Amino acid sequence: MTDCLFCKMVNGDIKPDTVYEDDDVLAFRDINPQAPVHVLVVPKTHIATLNDLDPAHAPLIGKLYLAAQKIANDEGVAERGYRTLINCNAEAGQSVFHIHLHLLAGRAMGWPPG
């Protein structure tokens, strides 16, 4: 997808503040952090929303969560606690239409969110 911000990051056209990368996943610090630790974990495959997933994507979605777990450990927040979430479509707060998992930590999280 040529106009997708996250695809441009995956392709190297834009250089994010990368904290993790492997063959399938790129993770970088959010430019508008909502917590002291706010990392976006994105698949390198363009998938616009959760509604666009199919069963073949299950291993990839699992890799997003495993990457988040590793990042939480690396950032030293795993034991204190962290939140992961994926927004789906505009009303839920999705602003970049390339699925991405938010990893938030470093402060107490309220409930319910939003």
Protein backbone atom coordinates (compact mmCIF):
# COMPACT_ATOMS: atom_id res chain seq x y z
CA MET A 1 0.00 0.00 0.00
CA THR A 2 1.86 3.08 -1.23
CA ASP A 3 0.07 5.75 0.83
CA CYS A 4 0.06 3.87 4.17
CA LEU A 5 2.19 5.54 6.86
CA PHE A 6 3.08 2.26 8.53
CA CYS A 7 3.91 0.57 5.22
CA LYS A 8 6.34 3.43 4.57
CA MET A 9 7.97 2.65 7.92
CA VAL A 10 8.11 -1.07 7.16
CA ASN A 11 9.66 -0.31 3.74
CA GLY A 12 12.24 2.06 5.24
CA ASP A 13 10.91 5.20 3.53
CA ILE A 14 10.24 6.70 6.97
CA LYS A 15 12.53 5.92 9.91
CA PRO A 16 10.58 5.38 13.15
CA ASP A 17 12.14 5.10 16.63
CA THR A 18 12.34 1.31 16.34
CA VAL A 19 12.41 -0.81 19.51
CA TYR A 20 11.91 -4.25 17.92
CA GLU A 21 11.97 -5.82 14.49
CA ASP A 22 11.89 -9.31 13.04
CA ASP A 23 10.84 -10.80 9.71
CA ASP A 24 7.13 -10.24 10.36
CA VAL A 25 6.83 -7.41 12.89
CA LEU A 26 8.05 -3.83 13.35
CA ALA A 27 7.63 -2.02 16.69
CA PHE A 28 8.36 1.64 17.33
CA ARG A 29 7.65 4.41 19.82
CA ASP A 30 4.40 6.33 19.28
CA ILE A 31 5.02 9.97 18.28
CA ASN A 32 2.09 11.04 20.50
CA PRO A 33 2.57 8.84 23.57
CA GLN A 34 -0.34 8.32 25.95
CA ALA A 35 1.86 6.71 28.63
CA PRO A 36 5.57 6.80 29.54
CA VAL A 37 5.97 3.65 27.44
CA HIS A 38 3.82 3.72 24.30
CA VAL A 39 4.96 1.43 21.51
CA LEU A 40 3.09 0.49 18.33
CA VAL A 41 3.57 -3.09 17.15
CA VAL A 42 2.66 -3.54 13.49
CA PRO A 43 2.69 -6.49 11.13
CA LYS A 44 4.88 -5.98 8.09
CA THR A 45 1.97 -7.26 6.02
CA HIS A 46 -0.61 -4.57 5.29
CA ILE A 47 -3.96 -5.42 6.85
CA ALA A 48 -6.23 -2.40 7.16
CA THR A 49 -8.42 -3.36 10.16
CA LEU A 50 -9.23 -6.30 12.38
CA ASN A 51 -12.29 -6.79 10.17
CA ASP A 52 -9.91 -7.70 7.33
CA LEU A 53 -8.31 -10.62 9.16
CA ASP A 54 -8.86 -14.19 8.10
CA PRO A 55 -7.86 -17.44 9.82
CA ALA A 56 -4.54 -17.52 7.97
CA HIS A 57 -3.51 -14.35 9.86
CA ALA A 58 -3.76 -16.05 13.29
CA PRO A 59 0.00 -16.80 13.57
CA LEU A 60 0.83 -13.21 12.61
CA ILE A 61 -1.49 -11.76 15.26
CA GLY A 62 0.13 -14.07 17.79
CA LYS A 63 3.52 -12.69 16.79
CA LEU A 64 2.32 -9.14 17.55
CA TYR A 65 1.50 -10.19 21.12
CA LEU A 66 4.74 -12.12 21.56
CA ALA A 67 6.65 -9.05 20.37
CA ALA A 68 4.71 -6.90 22.87
CA GLN A 69 5.65 -9.32 25.65
CA LYS A 70 9.34 -9.08 24.70
CA ILE A 71 9.21 -5.30 24.48
CA ALA A 72 7.52 -5.04 27.90
CA ASN A 73 10.31 -7.16 29.35
CA ASP A 74 13.00 -5.13 27.56
CA GLU A 75 11.43 -1.85 28.77
CA GLY A 76 11.31 -3.16 32.35
CA VAL A 77 7.52 -2.86 32.71
CA ALA A 78 6.36 -6.47 32.39
CA GLU A 79 6.18 -7.19 36.10
CA ARG A 80 4.50 -3.87 37.01
CA GLY A 81 1.95 -4.28 34.24
CA TYR A 82 1.11 -3.10 30.76
CA ARG A 83 -1.89 -2.81 28.49
CA THR A 84 -2.22 -3.97 24.90
CA LEU A 85 -5.02 -2.96 22.60
CA ILE A 86 -5.99 -2.82 18.97
CA ASN A 87 -8.52 -0.24 17.76
CA CYS A 88 -10.79 -1.19 14.87
CA ASN A 89 -12.11 1.61 12.64
CA ALA A 90 -12.54 5.32 13.25
CA GLU A 91 -15.16 5.27 15.99
CA ALA A 92 -12.86 3.08 18.10
CA GLY A 93 -9.97 5.50 17.55
CA GLN A 94 -8.10 3.89 14.67
CA SER A 95 -6.41 6.68 12.73
CA VAL A 96 -3.92 4.71 10.63
CA PHE A 97 -5.61 1.96 8.67
CA HIS A 98 -2.90 -0.67 9.05
CA ILE A 99 -3.59 -2.82 12.11
CA HIS A 100 -1.35 -2.04 15.05
CA LEU A 101 -1.18 -3.13 18.63
CA HIS A 102 -0.62 -0.42 21.24
CA LEU A 103 1.61 -1.34 24.17
CA LEU A 104 1.05 1.14 27.02
CA ALA A 105 2.87 1.09 30.36
CA GLY A 106 4.69 3.13 32.95
CA ARG A 107 1.61 4.50 34.72
CA ALA A 108 -1.56 3.18 36.31
CA MET A 109 -4.25 2.48 33.73
CA GLY A 110 -7.88 3.37 34.39
CA TRP A 111 -10.91 1.26 33.64
CA PRO A 112 -13.01 1.48 31.64
CA PRO A 113 -10.76 2.95 28.94
CA GLY A 114 -12.05 5.63 26.61
